[in-house]
PDB file of N, CA and C in Angstrom:
ATOM      1  N   MET A   1     -42.185  22.083 -17.119  1.00  0.00           N
ATOM      2  CA  MET A   1     -42.625  21.686 -15.537  1.00  0.00           C
ATOM      3  C   MET A   1     -42.017  22.241 -15.299  1.00  0.00           C
ATOM      4  N   ASN A   2     -43.051  23.052 -14.127  1.00  0.00           N
ATOM      5  CA  ASN A   2     -41.835  25.003 -13.266  1.00  0.00           C
ATOM      6  C   ASN A   2     -42.635  24.624 -11.984  1.00  0.00           C
ATOM      7  N   ILE A   3     -41.990  24.300 -11.427  1.00  0.00           N
ATOM      8  CA  ILE A   3     -42.321  23.778  -9.639  1.00  0.00           C
ATOM      9  C   ILE A   3     -40.709  23.747  -8.925  1.00  0.00           C
ATOM     10  N   LYS A   4     -40.827  24.412  -7.923  1.00  0.00           N
ATOM     11  CA  LYS A   4     -39.964  24.847  -6.672  1.00  0.00           C
ATOM     12  C   LYS A   4     -40.458  24.256  -5.695  1.00  0.00           C
ATOM     13  N   PRO A   5     -40.178  23.370  -4.836  1.00  0.00           N
ATOM     14  CA  PRO A   5     -40.016  22.802  -3.395  1.00  0.00           C
ATOM     15  C   PRO A   5     -39.981  24.137  -2.934  1.00  0.00           C
ATOM     16  N   LEU A   6     -40.707  24.323  -1.410  1.00  0.00           N
ATOM     17  CA  LEU A   6     -40.214  25.601  -0.509  1.00  0.00           C
ATOM     18  C   LEU A   6     -39.468  25.031   0.210  1.00  0.00           C
ATOM     19  N   ALA A   7     -39.076  25.177   1.596  1.00  0.00           N
ATOM     20  CA  ALA A   7     -37.783  25.071   2.334  1.00  0.00           C
ATOM     21  C   ALA A   7     -37.290  23.714   1.912  1.00  0.00           C
ATOM     22  N   ASP A   8     -37.781  21.972   3.398  1.00  0.00           N
ATOM     23  CA  ASP A   8     -36.776  21.089   2.876  1.00  0.00           C
ATOM     24  C   ASP A   8     -37.844  20.507   1.782  1.00  0.00           C
ATOM     25  N   ARG A   9     -38.377  20.446   1.347  1.00  0.00           N
ATOM     26  CA  ARG A   9     -38.981  19.777   0.595  1.00  0.00           C
ATOM     27  C   ARG A   9     -38.816  19.355  -0.306  1.00  0.00           C
ATOM     28  N   VAL A  10     -38.900  18.667  -1.271  1.00  0.00           N
ATOM     29  CA  VAL A  10     -37.968  17.697  -2.365  1.00  0.00           C
ATOM     30  C   VAL A  10     -39.168  17.334  -3.059  1.00  0.00           C
ATOM     31  N   LEU A  11     -39.280  17.366  -4.574  1.00  0.00           N
ATOM     32  CA  LEU A  11     -39.784  16.835  -5.671  1.00  0.00           C
ATOM     33  C   LEU A  11     -39.172  15.095  -6.000  1.00  0.00           C
ATOM     34  N   VAL A  12     -39.985  14.205  -6.160  1.00  0.00           N
ATOM     35  CA  VAL A  12     -39.131  13.000  -6.359  1.00  0.00           C
ATOM     36  C   VAL A  12     -40.326  12.154  -7.285  1.00  0.00           C
ATOM     37  N   LEU A  13     -39.620  11.699  -8.403  1.00  0.00           N
ATOM     38  CA  LEU A  13     -40.012  10.726  -9.824  1.00  0.00           C
ATOM     39  C   LEU A  13     -39.574   9.456  -9.630  1.00  0.00           C
ATOM     40  N   PRO A  14     -41.078   8.492  -8.801  1.00  0.00           N
ATOM     41  CA  PRO A  14     -41.118   7.567  -8.478  1.00  0.00           C
ATOM     42  C   PRO A  14     -40.520   6.830  -9.601  1.00  0.00           C
ATOM     43  N   ALA A  15     -39.849   5.882  -9.523  1.00  0.00           N
ATOM     44  CA  ALA A  15     -39.204   4.391 -10.379  1.00  0.00           C
ATOM     45  C   ALA A  15     -40.455   3.776 -10.062  1.00  0.00           C
ATOM     46  N   PRO A  16     -40.189   3.229 -11.829  1.00  0.00           N
ATOM     47  CA  PRO A  16     -41.769   2.734 -12.351  1.00  0.00           C
ATOM     48  C   PRO A  16     -41.844   1.406 -11.683  1.00  0.00           C
ATOM     49  N   ALA A  17     -42.795   0.752 -11.001  1.00  0.00           N
ATOM     50  CA  ALA A  17     -43.315  -0.195 -10.670  1.00  0.00           C
ATOM     51  C   ALA A  17     -42.547  -1.796 -11.987  1.00  0.00           C
ATOM     52  N   GLU A  18     -41.752  -2.345 -11.100  1.00  0.00           N
ATOM     53  CA  GLU A  18     -41.461  -3.135 -11.765  1.00  0.00           C
ATOM     54  C   GLU A  18     -42.044  -4.646 -12.089  1.00  0.00           C
ATOM     55  N   GLU A  19     -42.363  -5.370 -13.438  1.00  0.00           N
ATOM     56  CA  GLU A  19     -43.177  -6.264 -13.609  1.00  0.00           C
ATOM     57  C   GLU A  19     -42.651  -7.445 -13.005  1.00  0.00           C
ATOM     58  N   LYS A  20     -43.197  -8.053 -12.838  1.00  0.00           N
ATOM     59  CA  LYS A  20     -43.113  -9.570 -12.131  1.00  0.00           C
ATOM     60  C   LYS A  20     -44.289 -10.240 -12.879  1.00  0.00           C
ATOM     61  N   THR A  21     -43.910 -11.447 -12.933  1.00  0.00           N
ATOM     62  CA  THR A  21     -44.974 -12.741 -13.427  1.00  0.00           C
ATOM     63  C   THR A  21     -44.699 -14.167 -11.959  1.00  0.00           C
ATOM     64  N   VAL A  22     -45.372 -14.387 -11.760  1.00  0.00           N
ATOM     65  CA  VAL A  22     -45.182 -15.977 -11.075  1.00  0.00           C
ATOM     66  C   VAL A  22     -45.624 -16.591 -11.095  1.00  0.00           C
ATOM     67  N   GLY A  23     -44.878 -17.871 -11.766  1.00  0.00           N
ATOM     68  CA  GLY A  23     -45.255 -18.988 -11.863  1.00  0.00           C
ATOM     69  C   GLY A  23     -46.359 -18.456 -13.055  1.00  0.00           C
ATOM     70  N   GLY A  24     -45.737 -17.787 -14.131  1.00  0.00           N
ATOM     71  CA  GLY A  24     -46.165 -17.756 -15.847  1.00  0.00           C
ATOM     72  C   GLY A  24     -48.052 -16.860 -15.251  1.00  0.00           C
ATOM     73  N   ILE A  25     -48.266 -16.019 -13.998  1.00  0.00           N
ATOM     74  CA  ILE A  25     -49.077 -15.397 -13.682  1.00  0.00           C
ATOM     75  C   ILE A  25     -48.707 -13.945 -14.006  1.00  0.00           C
ATOM     76  N   ILE A  26     -49.356 -13.142 -14.527  1.00  0.00           N
ATOM     77  CA  ILE A  26     -48.649 -11.781 -14.381  1.00  0.00           C
ATOM     78  C   ILE A  26     -49.733 -11.066 -13.410  1.00  0.00           C
ATOM     79  N   ILE A  27     -49.189 -10.066 -12.633  1.00  0.00           N
ATOM     80  CA  ILE A  27     -49.418  -9.541 -11.407  1.00  0.00           C
ATOM     81  C   ILE A  27     -49.877  -8.128 -11.644  1.00  0.00           C
ATOM     82  N   PRO A  28     -51.389  -7.749 -12.059  1.00  0.00           N
ATOM     83  CA  PRO A  28     -52.372  -6.709 -12.051  1.00  0.00           C
ATOM     84  C   PRO A  28     -51.900  -5.702 -11.673  1.00  0.00           C
ATOM     85  N   ASP A  29     -51.885  -4.413 -11.635  1.00  0.00           N
ATOM     86  CA  ASP A  29     -50.993  -2.738 -11.844  1.00  0.00           C
ATOM     87  C   ASP A  29     -51.261  -2.451  -9.731  1.00  0.00           C
ATOM     88  N   SER A  30     -53.018  -2.772  -9.568  1.00  0.00           N
ATOM     89  CA  SER A  30     -53.368  -2.554  -8.409  1.00  0.00           C
ATOM     90  C   SER A  30     -52.250  -3.752  -7.957  1.00  0.00           C
ATOM     91  N   ALA A  31     -51.729  -5.116  -7.349  1.00  0.00           N
ATOM     92  CA  ALA A  31     -51.400  -5.965  -6.619  1.00  0.00           C
ATOM     93  C   ALA A  31     -49.940  -4.947  -6.553  1.00  0.00           C
ATOM     94  N   LYS A  32     -49.031  -4.361  -7.623  1.00  0.00           N
ATOM     95  CA  LYS A  32     -47.853  -4.074  -7.144  1.00  0.00           C
ATOM     96  C   LYS A  32     -47.640  -3.057  -5.636  1.00  0.00           C
ATOM     97  N   GLU A  33     -46.629  -3.197  -5.379  1.00  0.00           N
ATOM     98  CA  GLU A  33     -46.225  -2.461  -4.556  1.00  0.00           C
ATOM     99  C   GLU A  33     -45.322  -1.052  -4.675  1.00  0.00           C
ATOM    100  N   LYS A  34     -46.079  -0.185  -4.410  1.00  0.00           N
ATOM    101  CA  LYS A  34     -45.772   1.388  -4.533  1.00  0.00           C
ATOM    102  C   LYS A  34     -44.065   1.114  -4.609  1.00  0.00           C
ATOM    103  N   PRO A  35     -42.790   1.467  -5.877  1.00  0.00           N
ATOM    104  CA  PRO A  35     -41.094   1.388  -5.532  1.00  0.00           C
ATOM    105  C   PRO A  35     -41.273   2.192  -4.800  1.00  0.00           C
ATOM    106  N   LEU A  36     -40.138   2.315  -3.799  1.00  0.00           N
ATOM    107  CA  LEU A  36     -38.883   2.775  -2.592  1.00  0.00           C
ATOM    108  C   LEU A  36     -38.125   3.707  -3.538  1.00  0.00           C
ATOM    109  N   LYS A  37     -37.668   3.835  -4.344  1.00  0.00           N
ATOM    110  CA  LYS A  37     -36.452   4.250  -5.107  1.00  0.00           C
ATOM    111  C   LYS A  37     -37.553   5.139  -6.491  1.00  0.00           C
ATOM    112  N   GLY A  38     -36.575   6.721  -6.231  1.00  0.00           N
ATOM    113  CA  GLY A  38     -37.043   7.685  -7.503  1.00  0.00           C
ATOM    114  C   GLY A  38     -35.910   8.235  -7.820  1.00  0.00           C
ATOM    115  N   THR A  39     -35.840   9.890  -8.694  1.00  0.00           N
ATOM    116  CA  THR A  39     -35.216  10.437  -9.202  1.00  0.00           C
ATOM    117  C   THR A  39     -35.560  11.336  -8.332  1.00  0.00           C
ATOM    118  N   VAL A  40     -34.600  12.425  -7.531  1.00  0.00           N
ATOM    119  CA  VAL A  40     -34.625  13.727  -7.603  1.00  0.00           C
ATOM    120  C   VAL A  40     -35.046  14.623  -8.186  1.00  0.00           C
ATOM    121  N   ILE A  41     -36.446  15.883  -8.389  1.00  0.00           N
ATOM    122  CA  ILE A  41     -36.787  16.391  -9.714  1.00  0.00           C
ATOM    123  C   ILE A  41     -35.809  17.953  -9.112  1.00  0.00           C
ATOM    124  N   ALA A  42     -36.465  18.474  -8.207  1.00  0.00           N
ATOM    125  CA  ALA A  42     -36.902  19.578  -7.655  1.00  0.00           C
ATOM    126  C   ALA A  42     -36.760  19.493  -6.173  1.00  0.00           C
ATOM    127  N   VAL A  43     -35.545  20.609  -5.446  1.00  0.00           N
ATOM    128  CA  VAL A  43     -35.570  20.652  -4.473  1.00  0.00           C
ATOM    129  C   VAL A  43     -35.694  22.160  -3.921  1.00  0.00           C
ATOM    130  N   GLY A  44     -36.077  22.391  -2.393  1.00  0.00           N
ATOM    131  CA  GLY A  44     -36.442  23.591  -1.985  1.00  0.00           C
ATOM    132  C   GLY A  44     -34.564  23.999  -0.710  1.00  0.00           C
ATOM    133  N   ASN A  45     -35.459  25.876  -0.581  1.00  0.00           N
ATOM    134  CA  ASN A  45     -33.649  25.981  -0.023  1.00  0.00           C
ATOM    135  C   ASN A  45     -33.095  25.564   0.677  1.00  0.00           C
ATOM    136  N   GLY A  46     -34.063  24.667   2.032  1.00  0.00           N
ATOM    137  CA  GLY A  46     -33.627  24.551   2.788  1.00  0.00           C
ATOM    138  C   GLY A  46     -33.550  25.225   4.281  1.00  0.00           C
ATOM    139  N   THR A  47     -34.018  25.580   5.107  1.00  0.00           N
ATOM    140  CA  THR A  47     -34.281  26.102   6.832  1.00  0.00           C
ATOM    141  C   THR A  47     -32.821  26.287   7.112  1.00  0.00           C
ATOM    142  N   LYS A  48     -33.021  27.503   7.781  1.00  0.00           N
ATOM    143  CA  LYS A  48     -31.948  27.680   8.607  1.00  0.00           C
ATOM    144  C   LYS A  48     -31.305  26.445   9.537  1.00  0.00           C
ATOM    145  N   ASP A  49     -31.984  25.847  10.056  1.00  0.00           N
ATOM    146  CA  ASP A  49     -31.846  24.503  10.453  1.00  0.00           C
ATOM    147  C   ASP A  49     -30.975  23.225  10.000  1.00  0.00           C
ATOM    148  N   GLU A  50     -31.869  23.178   8.894  1.00  0.00           N
ATOM    149  CA  GLU A  50     -31.391  22.060   7.820  1.00  0.00           C
ATOM    150  C   GLU A  50     -30.905  22.461   6.374  1.00  0.00           C
ATOM    151  N   GLU A  51     -29.576  22.066   6.397  1.00  0.00           N
ATOM    152  CA  GLU A  51     -29.113  22.082   4.979  1.00  0.00           C
ATOM    153  C   GLU A  51     -29.710  20.874   4.172  1.00  0.00           C
ATOM    154  N   MET A  52     -29.625  21.433   2.949  1.00  0.00           N
ATOM    155  CA  MET A  52     -30.424  21.063   1.833  1.00  0.00           C
ATOM    156  C   MET A  52     -28.898  19.915   1.044  1.00  0.00           C
ATOM    157  N   VAL A  53     -28.924  18.358   1.246  1.00  0.00           N
ATOM    158  CA  VAL A  53     -27.882  17.741   0.228  1.00  0.00           C
ATOM    159  C   VAL A  53     -28.332  17.082  -0.077  1.00  0.00           C
ATOM    160  N   VAL A  54     -29.861  16.598  -0.858  1.00  0.00           N
ATOM    161  CA  VAL A  54     -29.563  16.247  -1.908  1.00  0.00           C
ATOM    162  C   VAL A  54     -29.727  17.336  -2.558  1.00  0.00           C
ATOM    163  N   LYS A  55     -29.328  16.860  -4.161  1.00  0.00           N
ATOM    164  CA  LYS A  55     -29.523  17.473  -5.631  1.00  0.00           C
ATOM    165  C   LYS A  55     -29.975  17.498  -6.688  1.00  0.00           C
ATOM    166  N   PRO A  56     -30.738  18.199  -7.292  1.00  0.00           N
ATOM    167  CA  PRO A  56     -31.977  17.148  -8.606  1.00  0.00           C
ATOM    168  C   PRO A  56     -30.248  16.373  -9.414  1.00  0.00           C
ATOM    169  N   ASN A  57     -31.413  14.880  -9.915  1.00  0.00           N
ATOM    170  CA  ASN A  57     -31.035  14.121 -10.979  1.00  0.00           C
ATOM    171  C   ASN A  57     -29.867  13.169  -9.410  1.00  0.00           C
ATOM    172  N   ASP A  58     -30.276  13.111  -8.165  1.00  0.00           N
ATOM    173  CA  ASP A  58     -30.005  12.109  -7.005  1.00  0.00           C
ATOM    174  C   ASP A  58     -30.700  10.874  -7.653  1.00  0.00           C
ATOM    175  N   LYS A  59     -30.778  10.018  -6.947  1.00  0.00           N
ATOM    176  CA  LYS A  59     -31.576   8.942  -7.029  1.00  0.00           C
ATOM    177  C   LYS A  59     -31.643   8.354  -5.543  1.00  0.00           C
ATOM    178  N   VAL A  60     -33.040   8.418  -5.089  1.00  0.00           N
ATOM    179  CA  VAL A  60     -32.606   8.063  -3.584  1.00  0.00           C
ATOM    180  C   VAL A  60     -34.197   6.741  -3.417  1.00  0.00           C
ATOM    181  N   LEU A  61     -33.540   6.632  -2.160  1.00  0.00           N
ATOM    182  CA  LEU A  61     -35.017   6.343  -1.345  1.00  0.00           C
ATOM    183  C   LEU A  61     -35.211   6.528  -0.584  1.00  0.00           C
ATOM    184  N   TYR A  62     -36.552   6.185  -0.537  1.00  0.00           N
ATOM    185  CA  TYR A  62     -37.021   7.054   0.493  1.00  0.00           C
ATOM    186  C   TYR A  62     -38.255   5.805   1.425  1.00  0.00           C
ATOM    187  N   GLY A  63     -39.162   6.090   2.294  1.00  0.00           N
ATOM    188  CA  GLY A  63     -39.993   4.983   3.090  1.00  0.00           C
ATOM    189  C   GLY A  63     -41.032   4.861   2.182  1.00  0.00           C
ATOM    190  N   LYS A  64     -42.027   3.840   2.205  1.00  0.00           N
ATOM    191  CA  LYS A  64     -43.217   2.765   2.194  1.00  0.00           C
ATOM    192  C   LYS A  64     -43.869   4.075   1.916  1.00  0.00           C
ATOM    193  N   TYR A  65     -44.411   5.370   2.849  1.00  0.00           N
ATOM    194  CA  TYR A  65     -45.691   5.567   2.722  1.00  0.00           C
ATOM    195  C   TYR A  65     -45.140   7.425   2.877  1.00  0.00           C
ATOM    196  N   ALA A  66     -44.216   7.518   2.088  1.00  0.00           N
ATOM    197  CA  ALA A  66     -43.188   9.076   2.352  1.00  0.00           C
ATOM    198  C   ALA A  66     -44.358   9.994   1.349  1.00  0.00           C
ATOM    199  N   GLY A  67     -44.004  10.759   1.432  1.00  0.00           N
ATOM    200  CA  GLY A  67     -44.740  11.957   0.625  1.00  0.00           C
ATOM    201  C   GLY A  67     -45.697  11.714  -0.127  1.00  0.00           C
ATOM    202  N   THR A  68     -46.674  13.307  -0.506  1.00  0.00           N
ATOM    203  CA  THR A  68     -47.277  12.959  -1.071  1.00  0.00           C
ATOM    204  C   THR A  68     -47.830  13.518  -2.305  1.00  0.00           C
ATOM    205  N   GLU A  69     -48.390  12.614  -2.945  1.00  0.00           N
ATOM    206  CA  GLU A  69     -48.279  12.296  -4.784  1.00  0.00           C
ATOM    207  C   GLU A  69     -49.524  12.644  -5.378  1.00  0.00           C
ATOM    208  N   ILE A  70     -48.213  14.171  -6.334  1.00  0.00           N
ATOM    209  CA  ILE A  70     -49.047  15.075  -7.272  1.00  0.00           C
ATOM    210  C   ILE A  70     -48.897  14.503  -8.794  1.00  0.00           C
ATOM    211  N   GLU A  71     -49.729  15.179  -9.780  1.00  0.00           N
ATOM    212  CA  GLU A  71     -49.688  14.881 -10.571  1.00  0.00           C
ATOM    213  C   GLU A  71     -49.472  16.183 -11.305  1.00  0.00           C
ATOM    214  N   LEU A  72     -48.566  16.198 -12.194  1.00  0.00           N
ATOM    215  CA  LEU A  72     -48.098  17.333 -13.204  1.00  0.00           C
ATOM    216  C   LEU A  72     -48.002  16.752 -14.585  1.00  0.00           C
ATOM    217  N   ASP A  73     -48.788  16.895 -15.520  1.00  0.00           N
ATOM    218  CA  ASP A  73     -48.202  17.384 -16.867  1.00  0.00           C
ATOM    219  C   ASP A  73     -48.401  15.653 -17.547  1.00  0.00           C
ATOM    220  N   GLY A  74     -49.700  14.710 -16.271  1.00  0.00           N
ATOM    221  CA  GLY A  74     -49.260  13.603 -16.936  1.00  0.00           C
ATOM    222  C   GLY A  74     -49.050  13.007 -16.105  1.00  0.00           C
ATOM    223  N   GLU A  75     -48.152  13.065 -15.177  1.00  0.00           N
ATOM    224  CA  GLU A  75     -46.614  12.395 -14.967  1.00  0.00           C
ATOM    225  C   GLU A  75     -46.814  12.443 -12.699  1.00  0.00           C
ATOM    226  N   LYS A  76     -46.849  11.415 -12.629  1.00  0.00           N
ATOM    227  CA  LYS A  76     -47.202  10.988 -10.991  1.00  0.00           C
ATOM    228  C   LYS A  76     -45.883  11.623 -10.054  1.00  0.00           C
ATOM    229  N   TYR A  77     -45.579  12.484  -9.842  1.00  0.00           N
ATOM    230  CA  TYR A  77     -44.396  12.752  -8.858  1.00  0.00           C
ATOM    231  C   TYR A  77     -44.816  12.744  -6.893  1.00  0.00           C
ATOM    232  N   LEU A  78     -43.897  12.594  -6.459  1.00  0.00           N
ATOM    233  CA  LEU A  78     -43.922  12.752  -4.286  1.00  0.00           C
ATOM    234  C   LEU A  78     -43.466  13.611  -4.676  1.00  0.00           C
ATOM    235  N   ILE A  79     -44.032  14.637  -3.090  1.00  0.00           N
ATOM    236  CA  ILE A  79     -43.033  15.968  -2.853  1.00  0.00           C
ATOM    237  C   ILE A  79     -43.145  15.444  -0.876  1.00  0.00           C
ATOM    238  N   MET A  80     -41.815  15.970  -0.803  1.00  0.00           N
ATOM    239  CA  MET A  80     -42.129  15.565   0.385  1.00  0.00           C
ATOM    240  C   MET A  80     -40.197  16.076   1.309  1.00  0.00           C
ATOM    241  N   ARG A  81     -40.482  15.945   2.247  1.00  0.00           N
ATOM    242  CA  ARG A  81     -39.796  16.730   3.318  1.00  0.00           C
ATOM    243  C   ARG A  81     -37.786  15.678   2.766  1.00  0.00           C
ATOM    244  N   GLN A  82     -37.441  16.854   2.568  1.00  0.00           N
ATOM    245  CA  GLN A  82     -35.488  16.016   3.076  1.00  0.00           C
ATOM    246  C   GLN A  82     -35.548  14.833   4.058  1.00  0.00           C
ATOM    247  N   SER A  83     -36.374  15.162   5.176  1.00  0.00           N
ATOM    248  CA  SER A  83     -35.848  14.141   6.841  1.00  0.00           C
ATOM    249  C   SER A  83     -36.682  12.722   6.100  1.00  0.00           C
ATOM    250  N   ASP A  84     -37.463  12.381   5.358  1.00  0.00           N
ATOM    251  CA  ASP A  84     -38.112  11.373   4.431  1.00  0.00           C
ATOM    252  C   ASP A  84     -37.239  10.248   3.790  1.00  0.00           C
ATOM    253  N   ILE A  85     -36.411  10.797   3.277  1.00  0.00           N
ATOM    254  CA  ILE A  85     -35.570  10.433   2.372  1.00  0.00           C
ATOM    255  C   ILE A  85     -34.853   9.189   3.185  1.00  0.00           C
ATOM    256  N   LEU A  86     -34.399   8.501   3.462  1.00  0.00           N
ATOM    257  CA  LEU A  86     -33.327   7.162   3.548  1.00  0.00           C
ATOM    258  C   LEU A  86     -32.183   7.578   3.041  1.00  0.00           C
ATOM    259  N   ALA A  87     -32.055   7.095   1.941  1.00  0.00           N
ATOM    260  CA  ALA A  87     -30.275   7.257   1.573  1.00  0.00           C
ATOM    261  C   ALA A  87     -30.502   8.061   0.446  1.00  0.00           C
ATOM    262  N   ILE A  88     -29.262   7.963  -0.587  1.00  0.00           N
ATOM    263  CA  ILE A  88     -28.972   8.234  -1.851  1.00  0.00           C
ATOM    264  C   ILE A  88     -28.116   7.321  -2.436  1.00  0.00           C
ATOM    265  N   LEU A  89     -28.056   6.851  -4.010  1.00  0.00           N
ATOM    266  CA  LEU A  89     -27.711   6.229  -3.734  1.00  0.00           C
ATOM    267  C   LEU A  89     -26.729   6.539  -4.538  1.00  0.00           C
TER     268      LEU A  89
END
């Protein structure tokens, strides 16, 4: 994969959704909540007003509706602004 986010954008690989069962009932994929954490894959150079704090391989928490989902090489990623990231784990 060869992708470089621009400006203050960050490419994140979401963590896989956890498998949960409720009383022996397996919850289908469509009912699972989206994960709110992931791994930073690539970062942009920042802007003159915003220095990039996150770096590749950081584990991060982000908002529930943060970013835009994209698919590259059969894998789903999120591309978002650094300001959409809530914390570095």
